[in-house]
Protein backbone atom coordinates (compact mmCIF):
# COMPACT_ATOMS: atom_id res chain seq x y z
CA UNK A 1 51.90 118.50 101.49
CA UNK A 2 54.45 115.72 100.87
CA UNK A 3 57.83 115.67 102.58
CA UNK A 4 59.60 116.33 99.30
CA UNK A 5 57.57 119.43 98.41
CA UNK A 6 57.84 120.58 102.01
CA UNK A 7 61.64 120.42 101.74
CA UNK A 8 61.55 122.27 98.44
CA UNK A 9 59.25 124.93 99.89
CA UNK A 10 61.77 125.53 102.67
CA UNK A 11 64.50 126.35 100.16
CA UNK A 12 62.31 127.85 97.43
CA UNK A 13 63.49 131.45 98.04
CA UNK A 14 67.09 130.35 97.43
CA UNK A 15 66.09 128.50 94.26
CA UNK A 16 64.12 131.49 92.98
CA UNK A 17 67.19 133.68 93.48
CA UNK A 18 69.51 131.18 91.77
CA UNK A 19 69.85 132.66 88.29
CA UNK A 20 71.63 130.93 85.38
CA UNK A 21 74.68 133.09 86.15
CA UNK A 22 75.08 131.61 89.62
CA UNK A 23 77.27 128.74 90.72
CA UNK A 24 77.33 126.79 93.96
CA UNK A 25 79.71 129.19 95.66
CA UNK A 26 80.18 129.46 99.41
CA UNK A 27 77.47 132.09 99.90
CA UNK A 28 74.82 130.02 98.08
CA UNK A 29 76.02 126.80 99.66
CA UNK A 30 75.66 128.26 103.14
CA UNK A 31 71.97 128.98 102.42
CA UNK A 32 71.39 125.41 101.23
CA UNK A 33 73.23 123.55 103.99
CA UNK A 34 71.21 120.77 105.60
CA UNK A 35 73.89 119.38 107.90
CA UNK A 36 77.52 119.97 108.70
CA UNK A 37 79.66 117.61 110.75
CA UNK A 38 83.44 117.75 110.77
CA UNK A 39 84.68 117.65 107.18
CA UNK A 40 81.25 116.63 105.84
CA UNK A 41 78.59 119.02 104.62
CA UNK A 42 75.22 118.09 103.11
CA UNK A 43 73.43 120.61 100.91
CA UNK A 44 69.91 120.77 99.57
CA UNK A 45 69.34 120.58 95.82
CA UNK A 46 66.01 119.69 94.16
CA UNK A 47 66.45 115.94 93.70
CA UNK A 48 63.23 115.05 95.55
CA UNK A 49 61.03 113.87 92.67
CA UNK A 50 60.09 110.17 92.54
CA UNK A 51 58.85 108.65 89.26
CA UNK A 52 56.29 106.36 90.90
CA UNK A 53 55.49 104.30 87.79
CA UNK A 54 59.15 103.43 87.20
CA UNK A 55 60.14 99.83 86.52
CA UNK A 56 63.86 100.55 86.76
CA UNK A 57 65.80 102.63 89.28
CA UNK A 58 69.37 103.72 88.54
CA UNK A 59 71.33 104.64 91.66
CA UNK A 60 74.48 106.74 91.82
CA UNK A 61 76.50 107.74 94.91
CA UNK A 62 75.34 111.33 95.43
CA UNK A 63 74.75 114.33 93.16
CA UNK A 64 77.98 116.22 92.54
CA UNK A 65 78.45 119.96 92.30
CA UNK A 66 77.72 120.02 88.54
CA UNK A 67 74.49 118.06 88.97
CA UNK A 68 73.42 120.27 91.89
CA UNK A 69 73.94 123.44 89.84
CA UNK A 70 72.04 121.94 86.88
CA UNK A 71 69.13 121.00 89.15
CA UNK A 72 69.00 124.44 90.74
CA UNK A 73 69.11 126.19 87.37
CA UNK A 74 66.37 123.94 85.95
CA UNK A 75 64.19 124.51 89.01
CA UNK A 76 64.75 128.26 88.83
CA UNK A 77 63.69 128.31 85.17
CA UNK A 78 60.61 126.16 85.86
CA UNK A 79 59.47 128.45 88.66
CA UNK A 80 60.00 131.50 86.46
CA UNK A 81 57.79 129.81 83.86
CA UNK A 82 55.01 129.48 86.44
CA UNK A 83 55.28 125.73 87.02
CA UNK A 84 53.93 124.14 90.20
CA UNK A 85 56.35 122.80 92.77
CA UNK A 86 55.61 119.17 91.79
CA UNK A 87 56.28 119.87 88.10
CA UNK A 88 59.36 121.91 88.99
CA UNK A 89 60.80 119.02 90.96
CA UNK A 90 60.20 116.62 88.07
CA UNK A 91 61.86 118.97 85.57
CA UNK A 92 64.86 119.57 87.85
CA UNK A 93 65.37 115.86 88.50
CA UNK A 94 65.19 114.92 84.82
CA UNK A 95 67.48 117.77 83.75
CA UNK A 96 70.21 117.10 86.28
CA UNK A 97 70.36 113.35 86.89
CA UNK A 98 73.68 112.00 85.61
CA UNK A 99 73.91 115.19 83.57
CA UNK A 100 77.63 115.26 82.82
CA UNK A 101 78.01 114.71 79.06
CA UNK A 102 80.34 111.71 79.26
CA UNK A 103 78.56 110.27 82.30
CA UNK A 104 75.20 110.23 80.57
CA UNK A 105 76.70 108.87 77.33
CA UNK A 106 78.34 105.99 79.21
CA UNK A 107 75.19 105.26 81.20
CA UNK A 108 73.07 105.08 78.05
CA UNK A 109 75.57 102.70 76.42
CA UNK A 110 75.63 100.39 79.46
CA UNK A 111 71.85 100.33 79.83
CA UNK A 112 71.56 99.52 76.14
CA UNK A 113 74.09 96.70 76.29
CA UNK A 114 72.27 94.92 79.15
CA UNK A 115 69.01 95.15 77.21
CA UNK A 116 67.07 97.89 78.99
CA UNK A 117 66.06 99.77 75.84
CA UNK A 118 64.95 96.56 74.14
CA UNK A 119 62.87 95.43 77.12
CA UNK A 120 61.17 98.82 77.41
CA UNK A 121 60.44 99.03 73.67
CA UNK A 122 62.86 101.89 73.01
CA UNK A 123 65.42 102.43 70.25
CA UNK A 124 67.95 103.61 72.84
CA UNK A 125 68.03 104.22 76.56
CA UNK A 126 68.75 107.88 75.75
CA UNK A 127 64.99 108.22 75.31
CA UNK A 128 64.60 107.62 79.04
CA UNK A 129 66.04 111.08 79.67
CA UNK A 130 63.03 112.61 77.93
CA UNK A 131 60.84 114.15 80.68
CA UNK A 132 57.83 112.37 79.16
CA UNK A 133 59.23 108.97 80.21
CA UNK A 134 58.28 107.62 83.61
CA UNK A 135 59.64 104.08 83.22
CA UNK A 136 62.92 104.92 84.89
CA UNK A 137 63.77 106.66 88.14
CA UNK A 138 67.18 108.23 88.74
CA UNK A 139 68.40 108.63 92.27
CA UNK A 140 71.44 108.41 94.53
CA UNK A 141 72.36 106.44 97.61
CA UNK A 142 72.70 109.86 99.25
CA UNK A 143 69.87 111.92 97.74
CA UNK A 144 71.30 115.36 98.41
CA UNK A 145 74.81 116.56 97.51
CA UNK A 146 77.48 115.56 100.01
CA UNK A 147 80.82 117.33 100.14
CA UNK A 148 83.96 116.36 102.03
CA UNK A 149 86.30 119.27 102.65
CA UNK A 150 84.37 121.10 99.93
CA UNK A 151 84.89 118.37 97.33
CA UNK A 152 82.38 115.89 95.89
CA UNK A 153 81.89 112.85 98.12
CA UNK A 154 83.47 109.76 96.54
CA UNK A 155 82.64 107.06 99.07
CA UNK A 156 84.93 108.09 101.92
CA UNK A 157 84.21 108.23 104.80
CA UNK A 158 82.22 104.98 104.81
CA UNK A 159 78.55 105.83 104.27
CA UNK A 160 77.19 103.14 106.59
CA UNK A 161 79.64 103.85 109.41
CA UNK A 162 79.05 107.60 109.24
CA UNK A 163 75.81 108.37 111.16
CA UNK A 164 74.73 111.39 109.09
CA UNK A 165 75.18 109.49 105.82
CA UNK A 166 73.59 106.29 107.10
CA UNK A 167 70.58 108.34 108.20
CA UNK A 168 70.16 109.64 104.63
CA UNK A 169 70.09 106.06 103.36
CA UNK A 170 67.64 104.90 105.99
CA UNK A 171 65.29 107.84 105.44
CA UNK A 172 65.48 109.32 101.91
CA UNK A 173 66.60 106.22 100.00
CA UNK A 174 64.31 103.99 102.05
CA UNK A 175 61.42 106.33 101.19
CA UNK A 176 62.10 105.77 97.49
CA UNK A 177 62.36 102.00 97.94
CA UNK A 178 58.97 102.02 99.67
CA UNK A 179 57.46 104.16 96.88
CA UNK A 180 58.71 101.74 94.17
CA UNK A 181 58.05 98.26 95.61
CA UNK A 182 58.09 96.44 92.27
CA UNK A 183 61.05 98.17 90.59
CA UNK A 184 64.44 96.75 89.66
CA UNK A 185 67.29 98.62 91.39
CA UNK A 186 70.56 99.12 89.51
CA UNK A 187 73.42 100.60 91.59
CA UNK A 188 76.27 102.14 89.62
CA UNK A 189 79.42 100.90 91.28
CA UNK A 190 80.17 99.40 94.71
CA UNK A 191 79.22 102.38 96.90
CA UNK A 192 75.55 102.62 95.81
CA UNK A 193 75.45 98.81 95.99
CA UNK A 194 76.61 99.05 99.60
CA UNK A 195 73.72 101.39 100.42
CA UNK A 196 71.13 99.15 98.79
CA UNK A 197 72.54 96.04 100.44
CA UNK A 198 72.20 97.86 103.75
CA UNK A 199 68.49 98.32 103.02
CA UNK A 200 68.25 94.64 102.08
CA UNK A 201 69.78 93.77 105.45
CA UNK A 202 67.28 96.11 107.13
CA UNK A 203 64.41 94.32 105.40
CA UNK A 204 63.39 97.37 103.37
CA UNK A 205 64.36 95.95 99.95
CA UNK A 206 64.18 92.45 98.50
CA UNK A 207 67.51 91.00 97.36
CA UNK A 208 65.72 89.81 94.20
CA UNK A 209 65.20 93.47 93.20
CA UNK A 210 68.90 94.35 93.43
CA UNK A 211 70.80 94.17 90.15
CA UNK A 212 74.40 95.07 90.89
CA UNK A 213 77.62 94.68 88.92
CA UNK A 214 77.53 97.72 86.61
CA UNK A 215 80.47 100.16 86.93
CA UNK A 216 79.87 103.84 87.55
CA UNK A 217 79.51 105.73 84.24
CA UNK A 218 81.82 108.61 85.17
CA UNK A 219 84.28 109.64 82.49
CA UNK A 220 87.01 109.08 85.09
CA UNK A 221 85.99 105.40 85.07
CA UNK A 222 86.44 105.12 81.32
CA UNK A 223 88.53 101.95 81.14
CA UNK A 224 86.11 99.97 83.32
CA UNK A 225 83.16 101.21 81.27
CA UNK A 226 84.94 100.27 78.02
CA UNK A 227 85.71 96.81 79.38
CA UNK A 228 82.10 96.32 80.50
CA UNK A 229 80.89 97.34 77.04
CA UNK A 230 83.40 95.03 75.34
CA UNK A 231 85.09 97.91 73.54
CA UNK A 232 88.47 96.76 74.81
CA UNK A 233 89.49 93.16 75.26
CA UNK A 234 90.99 91.59 78.40
CA UNK A 235 94.47 91.92 76.94
CA UNK A 236 94.04 95.66 76.40
CA UNK A 237 92.87 96.55 79.91
CA UNK A 238 94.98 97.01 83.03
CA UNK A 239 95.03 94.30 85.66
CA UNK A 240 93.32 96.64 88.12
CA UNK A 241 90.31 96.92 85.79
CA UNK A 242 89.62 93.16 86.00
CA UNK A 243 87.86 92.98 82.60
CA UNK A 244 86.86 89.31 82.93
CA UNK A 245 84.84 90.14 86.04
CA UNK A 246 83.15 93.06 84.27
CA UNK A 247 82.25 90.93 81.24
CA UNK A 248 80.83 88.24 83.52
CA UNK A 249 78.80 90.91 85.33
CA UNK A 250 77.46 92.19 82.01
CA UNK A 251 76.35 88.69 80.99
CA UNK A 252 74.63 88.15 84.34
CA UNK A 253 72.91 91.52 84.11
CA UNK A 254 71.63 90.78 80.60
CA UNK A 255 70.09 87.52 81.82
CA UNK A 256 68.49 89.07 84.87
CA UNK A 257 67.04 91.98 82.90
CA UNK A 258 65.43 89.55 80.46
CA UNK A 259 64.00 87.51 83.34
CA UNK A 260 62.74 90.55 85.22
CA UNK A 261 60.79 91.97 82.29
CA UNK A 262 59.53 88.60 81.00
């Protein structure tokens, strides 16, 4: 039995009891808690699946509460349909990864603009969210949901300087890096980039496989996403957005994607 199915088996009774009516309230969260330290709590949600034939890996910070609920609901439904644990994990991962409506829309647009769909022979990167596709792997710097004072983790406290968070990077994320030795890794924003650069420094990942510079697709990051996509010009964006830097990053990403898939 693999580590990922072993973890899922441990929490399977909670998943089986998690009906579509449920949310990640305190009673459910207490049954899924993996670690608690000060203001930080880490909860299990079924984000264990690794698409081992993937050529591209998209890395967020950590699953938020919405994504965790979506994964749990999808896993619950798959189990009720009689699916195996491996298939259940795949379904849950595909259903919940970057599953906020605006987040997924922005991510698709950014992947398209740097040429991912074209290089993979797709009309749009939206097709990658079809469970039949195994060319892309979605993950997070911190695989399982992390909450700080009950709220979604946003990068503070520092993930490398916080032992419990660094351990997640050096175990779970490192496991995925080892499972996908030839993939291109695309962190969404500076925090996931920090985690991957830590693994580069540890010798677990080649710097040539790291493709950073893309902003996080969250709807709350809308102006940066619009600037990256060229939907607003430098004169229309705030100084804090630094549109010139984002446009330069987009150009560099387009070149590197072409080179990688050549």
